[in-house]
Amino acid sequence: MALIALAAVTLYPLALGFGAFDPYRLGYGNWLFVAMLMLAALAAWFWKNYLIVLCIALATLAWATGWYESGNLWDYLLDPFVSIYALAAIMSHAVKTLVKPQRDRPAP
């Protein structure tokens, strides 16, 4: 969840023009971007984070076969609704952690 939230918070503002660099343009088949994505999948495999590997593999396969109308790989990797869910889940967890009932805290 944290990886999705970090990607969303970083990439969406840049894609909207809040910086000189637009990472969204990389999703139109930039070979270096695809190579870095595959390296990220290999790193996730090495750390036994198979869900990340599966998500990257399925998104790349869907992009390569033209599953959606979009030709941009970012549209397959980072869904806006999943990003909103990830941000909400992290904020909810943070609030629950900060506002624990007194009885759950250990005595001094």
PDB file of N, CA and C in Angstrom:
ATOM      1  N   MET A   1       0.815  -1.193   0.000  1.00  0.00           N
ATOM      2  CA  MET A   1       0.000   0.000   0.000  1.00  0.00           C
ATOM      3  C   MET A   1       0.862   1.262   0.000  1.00  0.00           C
ATOM      4  N   ALA A   2       1.919   1.225   0.779  1.00  0.00           N
ATOM      5  CA  ALA A   2       2.765   2.411   0.876  1.00  0.00           C
ATOM      6  C   ALA A   2       3.418   2.740  -0.464  1.00  0.00           C
ATOM      7  N   LEU A   3       3.803   1.710  -1.205  1.00  0.00           N
ATOM      8  CA  LEU A   3       4.425   1.929  -2.509  1.00  0.00           C
ATOM      9  C   LEU A   3       3.448   2.578  -3.486  1.00  0.00           C
ATOM     10  N   ILE A   4       2.206   2.119  -3.464  1.00  0.00           N
ATOM     11  CA  ILE A   4       1.178   2.693  -4.340  1.00  0.00           C
ATOM     12  C   ILE A   4       0.909   4.145  -3.956  1.00  0.00           C
ATOM     13  N   ALA A   5       0.774   4.393  -2.656  1.00  0.00           N
ATOM     14  CA  ALA A   5       0.508   5.756  -2.191  1.00  0.00           C
ATOM     15  C   ALA A   5       1.666   6.692  -2.537  1.00  0.00           C
ATOM     16  N   LEU A   6       2.891   6.229  -2.345  1.00  0.00           N
ATOM     17  CA  LEU A   6       4.055   7.050  -2.670  1.00  0.00           C
ATOM     18  C   LEU A   6       4.104   7.361  -4.165  1.00  0.00           C
ATOM     19  N   ALA A   7       3.837   6.359  -4.981  1.00  0.00           N
ATOM     20  CA  ALA A   7       3.828   6.577  -6.433  1.00  0.00           C
ATOM     21  C   ALA A   7       2.746   7.575  -6.827  1.00  0.00           C
ATOM     22  N   ALA A   8       1.573   7.444  -6.227  1.00  0.00           N
ATOM     23  CA  ALA A   8       0.470   8.353  -6.562  1.00  0.00           C
ATOM     24  C   ALA A   8       0.787   9.786  -6.152  1.00  0.00           C
ATOM     25  N   VAL A   9       1.281   9.962  -4.937  1.00  0.00           N
ATOM     26  CA  VAL A   9       1.579  11.309  -4.437  1.00  0.00           C
ATOM     27  C   VAL A   9       2.709  11.951  -5.240  1.00  0.00           C
ATOM     28  N   THR A  10       3.623  11.142  -5.735  1.00  0.00           N
ATOM     29  CA  THR A  10       4.744  11.663  -6.511  1.00  0.00           C
ATOM     30  C   THR A  10       4.376  11.902  -7.971  1.00  0.00           C
ATOM     31  N   LEU A  11       3.706  10.938  -8.583  1.00  0.00           N
ATOM     32  CA  LEU A  11       3.514  10.981 -10.032  1.00  0.00           C
ATOM     33  C   LEU A  11       2.345  11.831 -10.506  1.00  0.00           C
ATOM     34  N   TYR A  12       1.229  11.790  -9.815  1.00  0.00           N
ATOM     35  CA  TYR A  12       0.065  12.538 -10.299  1.00  0.00           C
ATOM     36  C   TYR A  12       0.315  14.041 -10.391  1.00  0.00           C
ATOM     37  N   PRO A  13       0.893  14.679  -9.372  1.00  0.00           N
ATOM     38  CA  PRO A  13       1.161  16.125  -9.522  1.00  0.00           C
ATOM     39  C   PRO A  13       2.134  16.436 -10.661  1.00  0.00           C
ATOM     40  N   LEU A  14       3.157  15.592 -10.836  1.00  0.00           N
ATOM     41  CA  LEU A  14       4.110  15.833 -11.921  1.00  0.00           C
ATOM     42  C   LEU A  14       3.454  15.673 -13.288  1.00  0.00           C
ATOM     43  N   ALA A  15       2.551  14.704 -13.408  1.00  0.00           N
ATOM     44  CA  ALA A  15       1.848  14.496 -14.679  1.00  0.00           C
ATOM     45  C   ALA A  15       0.899  15.650 -14.991  1.00  0.00           C
ATOM     46  N   LEU A  16       0.463  16.358 -13.951  1.00  0.00           N
ATOM     47  CA  LEU A  16      -0.426  17.504 -14.152  1.00  0.00           C
ATOM     48  C   LEU A  16       0.331  18.803 -14.423  1.00  0.00           C
ATOM     49  N   GLY A  17       1.665  18.724 -14.446  1.00  0.00           N
ATOM     50  CA  GLY A  17       2.456  19.895 -14.797  1.00  0.00           C
ATOM     51  C   GLY A  17       3.065  20.637 -13.632  1.00  0.00           C
ATOM     52  N   PHE A  18       3.110  20.040 -12.448  1.00  0.00           N
ATOM     53  CA  PHE A  18       3.685  20.712 -11.282  1.00  0.00           C
ATOM     54  C   PHE A  18       5.191  20.510 -11.197  1.00  0.00           C
ATOM     55  N   GLY A  19       5.833  20.429 -12.314  1.00  0.00           N
ATOM     56  CA  GLY A  19       7.277  20.265 -12.366  1.00  0.00           C
ATOM     57  C   GLY A  19       7.741  20.250 -13.811  1.00  0.00           C
ATOM     58  N   ALA A  20       9.043  20.315 -14.000  1.00  0.00           N
ATOM     59  CA  ALA A  20       9.586  20.332 -15.354  1.00  0.00           C
ATOM     60  C   ALA A  20       9.600  18.936 -15.975  1.00  0.00           C
ATOM     61  N   PHE A  21       9.604  17.916 -15.152  1.00  0.00           N
ATOM     62  CA  PHE A  21       9.684  16.535 -15.636  1.00  0.00           C
ATOM     63  C   PHE A  21       8.300  15.897 -15.600  1.00  0.00           C
ATOM     64  N   ASP A  22       7.908  15.256 -16.684  1.00  0.00           N
ATOM     65  CA  ASP A  22       6.613  14.578 -16.764  1.00  0.00           C
ATOM     66  C   ASP A  22       6.840  13.077 -16.902  1.00  0.00           C
ATOM     67  N   PRO A  23       6.736  12.328 -15.793  1.00  0.00           N
ATOM     68  CA  PRO A  23       6.976  10.887 -15.864  1.00  0.00           C
ATOM     69  C   PRO A  23       5.915  10.139 -16.669  1.00  0.00           C
ATOM     70  N   TYR A  24       4.765  10.745 -16.874  1.00  0.00           N
ATOM     71  CA  TYR A  24       3.703  10.087 -17.636  1.00  0.00           C
ATOM     72  C   TYR A  24       4.144   9.821 -19.080  1.00  0.00           C
ATOM     73  N   ARG A  25       4.982  10.694 -19.625  1.00  0.00           N
ATOM     74  CA  ARG A  25       5.457  10.505 -21.002  1.00  0.00           C
ATOM     75  C   ARG A  25       6.315   9.255 -21.140  1.00  0.00           C
ATOM     76  N   LEU A  26       6.951   8.828 -20.061  1.00  0.00           N
ATOM     77  CA  LEU A  26       7.774   7.619 -20.118  1.00  0.00           C
ATOM     78  C   LEU A  26       6.938   6.374 -20.406  1.00  0.00           C
ATOM     79  N   GLY A  27       5.670   6.413 -20.076  1.00  0.00           N
ATOM     80  CA  GLY A  27       4.801   5.253 -20.235  1.00  0.00           C
ATOM     81  C   GLY A  27       4.428   4.926 -21.661  1.00  0.00           C
ATOM     82  N   TYR A  28       4.828   5.759 -22.606  1.00  0.00           N
ATOM     83  CA  TYR A  28       4.497   5.505 -24.008  1.00  0.00           C
ATOM     84  C   TYR A  28       5.552   4.650 -24.699  1.00  0.00           C
ATOM     85  N   GLY A  29       6.100   3.692 -24.003  1.00  0.00           N
ATOM     86  CA  GLY A  29       7.004   2.730 -24.622  1.00  0.00           C
ATOM     87  C   GLY A  29       8.471   3.073 -24.516  1.00  0.00           C
ATOM     88  N   ASN A  30       8.853   3.921 -23.596  1.00  0.00           N
ATOM     89  CA  ASN A  30      10.259   4.234 -23.379  1.00  0.00           C
ATOM     90  C   ASN A  30      10.965   2.962 -22.910  1.00  0.00           C
ATOM     91  N   TRP A  31      11.959   2.511 -23.651  1.00  0.00           N
ATOM     92  CA  TRP A  31      12.615   1.241 -23.336  1.00  0.00           C
ATOM     93  C   TRP A  31      13.326   1.287 -21.984  1.00  0.00           C
ATOM     94  N   LEU A  32      13.852   2.446 -21.617  1.00  0.00           N
ATOM     95  CA  LEU A  32      14.533   2.562 -20.328  1.00  0.00           C
ATOM     96  C   LEU A  32      13.535   2.412 -19.174  1.00  0.00           C
ATOM     97  N   PHE A  33      12.349   2.982 -19.338  1.00  0.00           N
ATOM     98  CA  PHE A  33      11.301   2.851 -18.322  1.00  0.00           C
ATOM     99  C   PHE A  33      10.879   1.390 -18.162  1.00  0.00           C
ATOM    100  N   VAL A  34      10.694   0.702 -19.277  1.00  0.00           N
ATOM    101  CA  VAL A  34      10.296  -0.709 -19.223  1.00  0.00           C
ATOM    102  C   VAL A  34      11.409  -1.541 -18.588  1.00  0.00           C
ATOM    103  N   ALA A  35      12.666  -1.244 -18.908  1.00  0.00           N
ATOM    104  CA  ALA A  35      13.795  -1.962 -18.313  1.00  0.00           C
ATOM    105  C   ALA A  35      13.854  -1.737 -16.802  1.00  0.00           C
ATOM    106  N   MET A  36      13.638  -0.493 -16.355  1.00  0.00           N
ATOM    107  CA  MET A  36      13.643  -0.204 -14.916  1.00  0.00           C
ATOM    108  C   MET A  36      12.486  -0.904 -14.210  1.00  0.00           C
ATOM    109  N   LEU A  37      11.361  -0.991 -14.890  1.00  0.00           N
ATOM    110  CA  LEU A  37      10.209  -1.690 -14.329  1.00  0.00           C
ATOM    111  C   LEU A  37      10.513  -3.175 -14.155  1.00  0.00           C
ATOM    112  N   MET A  38      11.185  -3.760 -15.121  1.00  0.00           N
ATOM    113  CA  MET A  38      11.556  -5.170 -15.014  1.00  0.00           C
ATOM    114  C   MET A  38      12.589  -5.380 -13.902  1.00  0.00           C
ATOM    115  N   LEU A  39      13.501  -4.433 -13.734  1.00  0.00           N
ATOM    116  CA  LEU A  39      14.449  -4.516 -12.613  1.00  0.00           C
ATOM    117  C   LEU A  39      13.721  -4.420 -11.273  1.00  0.00           C
ATOM    118  N   ALA A  40      12.699  -3.582 -11.212  1.00  0.00           N
ATOM    119  CA  ALA A  40      11.894  -3.489  -9.987  1.00  0.00           C
ATOM    120  C   ALA A  40      11.184  -4.810  -9.717  1.00  0.00           C
ATOM    121  N   ALA A  41      10.700  -5.458 -10.768  1.00  0.00           N
ATOM    122  CA  ALA A  41      10.043  -6.759 -10.602  1.00  0.00           C
ATOM    123  C   ALA A  41      11.044  -7.812 -10.136  1.00  0.00           C
ATOM    124  N   LEU A  42      12.248  -7.788 -10.676  1.00  0.00           N
ATOM    125  CA  LEU A  42      13.280  -8.734 -10.231  1.00  0.00           C
ATOM    126  C   LEU A  42      13.660  -8.494  -8.772  1.00  0.00           C
ATOM    127  N   ALA A  43      13.757  -7.230  -8.378  1.00  0.00           N
ATOM    128  CA  ALA A  43      14.058  -6.916  -6.974  1.00  0.00           C
ATOM    129  C   ALA A  43      12.937  -7.407  -6.064  1.00  0.00           C
ATOM    130  N   ALA A  44      11.697  -7.216  -6.481  1.00  0.00           N
ATOM    131  CA  ALA A  44      10.564  -7.703  -5.685  1.00  0.00           C
ATOM    132  C   ALA A  44      10.588  -9.221  -5.595  1.00  0.00           C
ATOM    133  N   TRP A  45      10.956  -9.882  -6.671  1.00  0.00           N
ATOM    134  CA  TRP A  45      11.062 -11.352  -6.663  1.00  0.00           C
ATOM    135  C   TRP A  45      12.149 -11.787  -5.677  1.00  0.00           C
ATOM    136  N   PHE A  46      13.285 -11.084  -5.702  1.00  0.00           N
ATOM    137  CA  PHE A  46      14.391 -11.400  -4.801  1.00  0.00           C
ATOM    138  C   PHE A  46      13.965 -11.268  -3.339  1.00  0.00           C
ATOM    139  N   TRP A  47      13.156 -10.250  -3.033  1.00  0.00           N
ATOM    140  CA  TRP A  47      12.690 -10.022  -1.663  1.00  0.00           C
ATOM    141  C   TRP A  47      11.407 -10.783  -1.348  1.00  0.00           C
ATOM    142  N   LYS A  48      11.034 -11.697  -2.263  1.00  0.00           N
ATOM    143  CA  LYS A  48       9.869 -12.574  -2.087  1.00  0.00           C
ATOM    144  C   LYS A  48       8.553 -11.804  -1.942  1.00  0.00           C
ATOM    145  N   ASN A  49       8.466 -10.678  -2.628  1.00  0.00           N
ATOM    146  CA  ASN A  49       7.226  -9.904  -2.657  1.00  0.00           C
ATOM    147  C   ASN A  49       6.514 -10.225  -3.973  1.00  0.00           C
ATOM    148  N   TYR A  50       5.934 -11.425  -3.995  1.00  0.00           N
ATOM    149  CA  TYR A  50       5.385 -11.967  -5.237  1.00  0.00           C
ATOM    150  C   TYR A  50       4.141 -11.226  -5.722  1.00  0.00           C
ATOM    151  N   LEU A  51       3.428 -10.559  -4.840  1.00  0.00           N
ATOM    152  CA  LEU A  51       2.258  -9.796  -5.272  1.00  0.00           C
ATOM    153  C   LEU A  51       2.674  -8.628  -6.168  1.00  0.00           C
ATOM    154  N   ILE A  52       3.755  -7.960  -5.811  1.00  0.00           N
ATOM    155  CA  ILE A  52       4.271  -6.868  -6.643  1.00  0.00           C
ATOM    156  C   ILE A  52       4.708  -7.410  -8.002  1.00  0.00           C
ATOM    157  N   VAL A  53       5.384  -8.546  -7.993  1.00  0.00           N
ATOM    158  CA  VAL A  53       5.827  -9.163  -9.248  1.00  0.00           C
ATOM    159  C   VAL A  53       4.627  -9.487 -10.129  1.00  0.00           C
ATOM    160  N   LEU A  54       3.597 -10.071  -9.528  1.00  0.00           N
ATOM    161  CA  LEU A  54       2.397 -10.426 -10.284  1.00  0.00           C
ATOM    162  C   LEU A  54       1.713  -9.184 -10.855  1.00  0.00           C
ATOM    163  N   CYS A  55       1.602  -8.142 -10.049  1.00  0.00           N
ATOM    164  CA  CYS A  55       0.959  -6.903 -10.517  1.00  0.00           C
ATOM    165  C   CYS A  55       1.734  -6.283 -11.676  1.00  0.00           C
ATOM    166  N   ILE A  56       3.049  -6.225 -11.565  1.00  0.00           N
ATOM    167  CA  ILE A  56       3.861  -5.662 -12.645  1.00  0.00           C
ATOM    168  C   ILE A  56       3.750  -6.523 -13.899  1.00  0.00           C
ATOM    169  N   ALA A  57       3.814  -7.836 -13.720  1.00  0.00           N
ATOM    170  CA  ALA A  57       3.736  -8.733 -14.878  1.00  0.00           C
ATOM    171  C   ALA A  57       2.388  -8.624 -15.584  1.00  0.00           C
ATOM    172  N   LEU A  58       1.306  -8.622 -14.821  1.00  0.00           N
ATOM    173  CA  LEU A  58      -0.020  -8.532 -15.435  1.00  0.00           C
ATOM    174  C   LEU A  58      -0.249  -7.175 -16.098  1.00  0.00           C
ATOM    175  N   ALA A  59       0.207  -6.112 -15.452  1.00  0.00           N
ATOM    176  CA  ALA A  59       0.051  -4.778 -16.041  1.00  0.00           C
ATOM    177  C   ALA A  59       0.849  -4.660 -17.337  1.00  0.00           C
ATOM    178  N   THR A  60       2.062  -5.190 -17.341  1.00  0.00           N
ATOM    179  CA  THR A  60       2.892  -5.129 -18.543  1.00  0.00           C
ATOM    180  C   THR A  60       2.307  -5.981 -19.659  1.00  0.00           C
ATOM    181  N   LEU A  61       1.796  -7.145 -19.312  1.00  0.00           N
ATOM    182  CA  LEU A  61       1.158  -8.008 -20.310  1.00  0.00           C
ATOM    183  C   LEU A  61      -0.087  -7.345 -20.902  1.00  0.00           C
ATOM    184  N   ALA A  62      -0.900  -6.745 -20.049  1.00  0.00           N
ATOM    185  CA  ALA A  62      -2.103  -6.059 -20.528  1.00  0.00           C
ATOM    186  C   ALA A  62      -1.730  -4.888 -21.433  1.00  0.00           C
ATOM    187  N   TRP A  63      -0.684  -4.147 -21.059  1.00  0.00           N
ATOM    188  CA  TRP A  63      -0.231  -3.015 -21.874  1.00  0.00           C
ATOM    189  C   TRP A  63       0.292  -3.495 -23.226  1.00  0.00           C
ATOM    190  N   ALA A  64       1.089  -4.578 -23.209  1.00  0.00           N
ATOM    191  CA  ALA A  64       1.682  -5.095 -24.448  1.00  0.00           C
ATOM    192  C   ALA A  64       0.624  -5.623 -25.415  1.00  0.00           C
ATOM    193  N   THR A  65      -0.476  -6.140 -24.878  1.00  0.00           N
ATOM    194  CA  THR A  65      -1.534  -6.671 -25.742  1.00  0.00           C
ATOM    195  C   THR A  65      -2.599  -5.633 -26.075  1.00  0.00           C
ATOM    196  N   GLY A  66      -2.492  -4.436 -25.499  1.00  0.00           N
ATOM    197  CA  GLY A  66      -3.459  -3.373 -25.779  1.00  0.00           C
ATOM    198  C   GLY A  66      -4.815  -3.610 -25.153  1.00  0.00           C
ATOM    199  N   TRP A  67      -4.825  -4.098 -23.918  1.00  0.00           N
ATOM    200  CA  TRP A  67      -6.072  -4.434 -23.221  1.00  0.00           C
ATOM    201  C   TRP A  67      -7.002  -3.230 -23.106  1.00  0.00           C
ATOM    202  N   TYR A  68      -6.452  -2.079 -22.700  1.00  0.00           N
ATOM    203  CA  TYR A  68      -7.230  -0.842 -22.619  1.00  0.00           C
ATOM    204  C   TYR A  68      -7.045  -0.046 -23.907  1.00  0.00           C
ATOM    205  N   GLU A  69      -7.769   1.037 -24.010  1.00  0.00           N
ATOM    206  CA  GLU A  69      -7.591   1.935 -25.154  1.00  0.00           C
ATOM    207  C   GLU A  69      -6.298   2.726 -25.042  1.00  0.00           C
ATOM    208  N   SER A  70      -5.836   2.941 -23.830  1.00  0.00           N
ATOM    209  CA  SER A  70      -4.642   3.749 -23.608  1.00  0.00           C
ATOM    210  C   SER A  70      -3.388   2.989 -24.032  1.00  0.00           C
ATOM    211  N   GLY A  71      -2.454   3.720 -24.602  1.00  0.00           N
ATOM    212  CA  GLY A  71      -1.172   3.140 -24.956  1.00  0.00           C
ATOM    213  C   GLY A  71      -0.093   3.480 -23.947  1.00  0.00           C
ATOM    214  N   ASN A  72      -0.493   4.001 -22.785  1.00  0.00           N
ATOM    215  CA  ASN A  72       0.459   4.417 -21.764  1.00  0.00           C
ATOM    216  C   ASN A  72       0.521   3.377 -20.656  1.00  0.00           C
ATOM    217  N   LEU A  73       1.726   2.909 -20.370  1.00  0.00           N
ATOM    218  CA  LEU A  73       1.926   1.869 -19.360  1.00  0.00           C
ATOM    219  C   LEU A  73       1.511   2.317 -17.964  1.00  0.00           C
ATOM    220  N   TRP A  74       1.637   3.616 -17.655  1.00  0.00           N
ATOM    221  CA  TRP A  74       1.225   4.110 -16.338  1.00  0.00           C
ATOM    222  C   TRP A  74      -0.255   3.857 -16.082  1.00  0.00           C
ATOM    223  N   ASP A  75      -1.076   3.909 -17.131  1.00  0.00           N
ATOM    224  CA  ASP A  75      -2.509   3.679 -16.960  1.00  0.00           C
ATOM    225  C   ASP A  75      -2.809   2.250 -16.530  1.00  0.00           C
ATOM    226  N   TYR A  76      -1.909   1.335 -16.822  1.00  0.00           N
ATOM    227  CA  TYR A  76      -2.066  -0.055 -16.416  1.00  0.00           C
ATOM    228  C   TYR A  76      -1.468  -0.302 -15.032  1.00  0.00           C
ATOM    229  N   LEU A  77      -0.421   0.432 -14.700  1.00  0.00           N
ATOM    230  CA  LEU A  77       0.283   0.218 -13.434  1.00  0.00           C
ATOM    231  C   LEU A  77      -0.371   0.907 -12.245  1.00  0.00           C
ATOM    232  N   LEU A  78      -0.876   2.096 -12.445  1.00  0.00           N
ATOM    233  CA  LEU A  78      -1.326   2.912 -11.321  1.00  0.00           C
ATOM    234  C   LEU A  78      -2.740   3.418 -11.575  1.00  0.00           C
ATOM    235  N   ASP A  79      -3.700   2.731 -11.023  1.00  0.00           N
ATOM    236  CA  ASP A  79      -5.102   3.088 -11.184  1.00  0.00           C
ATOM    237  C   ASP A  79      -5.465   4.182 -10.178  1.00  0.00           C
ATOM    238  N   PRO A  80      -6.205   5.202 -10.583  1.00  0.00           N
ATOM    239  CA  PRO A  80      -6.563   6.276  -9.644  1.00  0.00           C
ATOM    240  C   PRO A  80      -7.364   5.788  -8.436  1.00  0.00           C
ATOM    241  N   PHE A  81      -8.276   4.849  -8.641  1.00  0.00           N
ATOM    242  CA  PHE A  81      -9.083   4.359  -7.521  1.00  0.00           C
ATOM    243  C   PHE A  81      -8.247   3.551  -6.528  1.00  0.00           C
ATOM    244  N   VAL A  82      -7.308   2.773  -7.038  1.00  0.00           N
ATOM    245  CA  VAL A  82      -6.411   2.024  -6.153  1.00  0.00           C
ATOM    246  C   VAL A  82      -5.519   2.997  -5.386  1.00  0.00           C
ATOM    247  N   SER A  83      -5.090   4.061  -6.043  1.00  0.00           N
ATOM    248  CA  SER A  83      -4.263   5.068  -5.377  1.00  0.00           C
ATOM    249  C   SER A  83      -5.022   5.752  -4.248  1.00  0.00           C
ATOM    250  N   ILE A  84      -6.260   6.119  -4.507  1.00  0.00           N
ATOM    251  CA  ILE A  84      -7.089   6.747  -3.469  1.00  0.00           C
ATOM    252  C   ILE A  84      -7.309   5.779  -2.315  1.00  0.00           C
ATOM    253  N   TYR A  85      -7.573   4.512  -2.627  1.00  0.00           N
ATOM    254  CA  TYR A  85      -7.761   3.504  -1.581  1.00  0.00           C
ATOM    255  C   TYR A  85      -6.492   3.349  -0.742  1.00  0.00           C
ATOM    256  N   ALA A  86      -5.337   3.302  -1.393  1.00  0.00           N
ATOM    257  CA  ALA A  86      -4.077   3.148  -0.665  1.00  0.00           C
ATOM    258  C   ALA A  86      -3.824   4.333   0.258  1.00  0.00           C
ATOM    259  N   LEU A  87      -4.052   5.536  -0.236  1.00  0.00           N
ATOM    260  CA  LEU A  87      -3.870   6.725   0.607  1.00  0.00           C
ATOM    261  C   LEU A  87      -4.834   6.722   1.788  1.00  0.00           C
ATOM    262  N   ALA A  88      -6.087   6.353   1.541  1.00  0.00           N
ATOM    263  CA  ALA A  88      -7.078   6.306   2.622  1.00  0.00           C
ATOM    264  C   ALA A  88      -6.726   5.235   3.645  1.00  0.00           C
ATOM    265  N   ALA A  89      -6.256   4.082   3.197  1.00  0.00           N
ATOM    266  CA  ALA A  89      -5.888   3.001   4.119  1.00  0.00           C
ATOM    267  C   ALA A  89      -4.712   3.404   4.998  1.00  0.00           C
ATOM    268  N   ILE A  90      -3.733   4.077   4.425  1.00  0.00           N
ATOM    269  CA  ILE A  90      -2.575   4.514   5.207  1.00  0.00           C
ATOM    270  C   ILE A  90      -2.978   5.583   6.212  1.00  0.00           C
ATOM    271  N   MET A  91      -3.807   6.530   5.796  1.00  0.00           N
ATOM    272  CA  MET A  91      -4.260   7.569   6.729  1.00  0.00           C
ATOM    273  C   MET A  91      -5.122   6.973   7.837  1.00  0.00           C
ATOM    274  N   SER A  92      -5.973   6.026   7.507  1.00  0.00           N
ATOM    275  CA  SER A  92      -6.813   5.374   8.509  1.00  0.00           C
ATOM    276  C   SER A  92      -5.965   4.628   9.529  1.00  0.00           C
ATOM    277  N   HIS A  93      -4.957   3.915   9.043  1.00  0.00           N
ATOM    278  CA  HIS A  93      -4.066   3.186   9.950  1.00  0.00           C
ATOM    279  C   HIS A  93      -3.295   4.152  10.852  1.00  0.00           C
ATOM    280  N   ALA A  94      -2.858   5.273  10.288  1.00  0.00           N
ATOM    281  CA  ALA A  94      -2.128   6.261  11.086  1.00  0.00           C
ATOM    282  C   ALA A  94      -3.015   6.849  12.176  1.00  0.00           C
ATOM    283  N   VAL A  95      -4.252   7.160  11.845  1.00  0.00           N
ATOM    284  CA  VAL A  95      -5.176   7.718  12.838  1.00  0.00           C
ATOM    285  C   VAL A  95      -5.455   6.695  13.934  1.00  0.00           C
ATOM    286  N   LYS A  96      -5.685   5.449  13.565  1.00  0.00           N
ATOM    287  CA  LYS A  96      -5.950   4.403  14.559  1.00  0.00           C
ATOM    288  C   LYS A  96      -4.748   4.186  15.468  1.00  0.00           C
ATOM    289  N   THR A  97      -3.555   4.304  14.911  1.00  0.00           N
ATOM    290  CA  THR A  97      -2.346   4.127  15.708  1.00  0.00           C
ATOM    291  C   THR A  97      -2.147   5.293  16.672  1.00  0.00           C
ATOM    292  N   LEU A  98      -2.420   6.499  16.214  1.00  0.00           N
ATOM    293  CA  LEU A  98      -2.218   7.678  17.055  1.00  0.00           C
ATOM    294  C   LEU A  98      -3.286   7.837  18.125  1.00  0.00           C
ATOM    295  N   VAL A  99      -4.491   7.362  17.852  1.00  0.00           N
ATOM    296  CA  VAL A  99      -5.605   7.558  18.774  1.00  0.00           C
ATOM    297  C   VAL A  99      -5.994   6.213  19.389  1.00  0.00           C
ATOM    298  N   LYS A 100      -5.032   5.546  19.984  1.00  0.00           N
ATOM    299  CA  LYS A 100      -5.321   4.283  20.662  1.00  0.00           C
ATOM    300  C   LYS A 100      -5.990   4.565  21.996  1.00  0.00           C
ATOM    301  N   PRO A 101      -6.900   3.706  22.393  1.00  0.00           N
ATOM    302  CA  PRO A 101      -7.482   3.866  23.729  1.00  0.00           C
ATOM    303  C   PRO A 101      -6.410   3.702  24.812  1.00  0.00           C
ATOM    304  N   GLN A 102      -6.609   4.366  25.937  1.00  0.00           N
ATOM    305  CA  GLN A 102      -5.648   4.321  27.036  1.00  0.00           C
ATOM    306  C   GLN A 102      -5.435   2.911  27.559  1.00  0.00           C
ATOM    307  N   ARG A 103      -6.450   2.083  27.539  1.00  0.00           N
ATOM    308  CA  ARG A 103      -6.319   0.740  28.121  1.00  0.00           C
ATOM    309  C   ARG A 103      -5.378  -0.149  27.322  1.00  0.00           C
ATOM    310  N   ASP A 104      -5.147   0.169  26.043  1.00  0.00           N
ATOM    311  CA  ASP A 104      -4.250  -0.638  25.229  1.00  0.00           C
ATOM    312  C   ASP A 104      -2.786  -0.298  25.467  1.00  0.00           C
ATOM    313  N   ARG A 105      -2.535   0.836  26.082  1.00  0.00           N
ATOM    314  CA  ARG A 105      -1.153   1.239  26.323  1.00  0.00           C
ATOM    315  C   ARG A 105      -0.634   0.564  27.590  1.00  0.00           C
ATOM    316  N   PRO A 106       0.621   0.132  27.569  1.00  0.00           N
ATOM    317  CA  PRO A 106       1.188  -0.506  28.762  1.00  0.00           C
ATOM    318  C   PRO A 106       1.368   0.500  29.901  1.00  0.00           C
ATOM    319  N   ALA A 107       1.263  -0.006  31.108  1.00  0.00           N
ATOM    320  CA  ALA A 107       1.443   0.843  32.292  1.00  0.00           C
ATOM    321  C   ALA A 107       2.913   1.215  32.431  1.00  0.00           C
ATOM    322  N   PRO A 108       3.206   2.420  32.941  1.00  0.00           N
ATOM    323  CA  PRO A 108       4.615   2.849  33.094  1.00  0.00           C
ATOM    324  C   PRO A 108       5.341   2.104  34.171  1.00  0.00           C
TER     325      PRO A 108
END
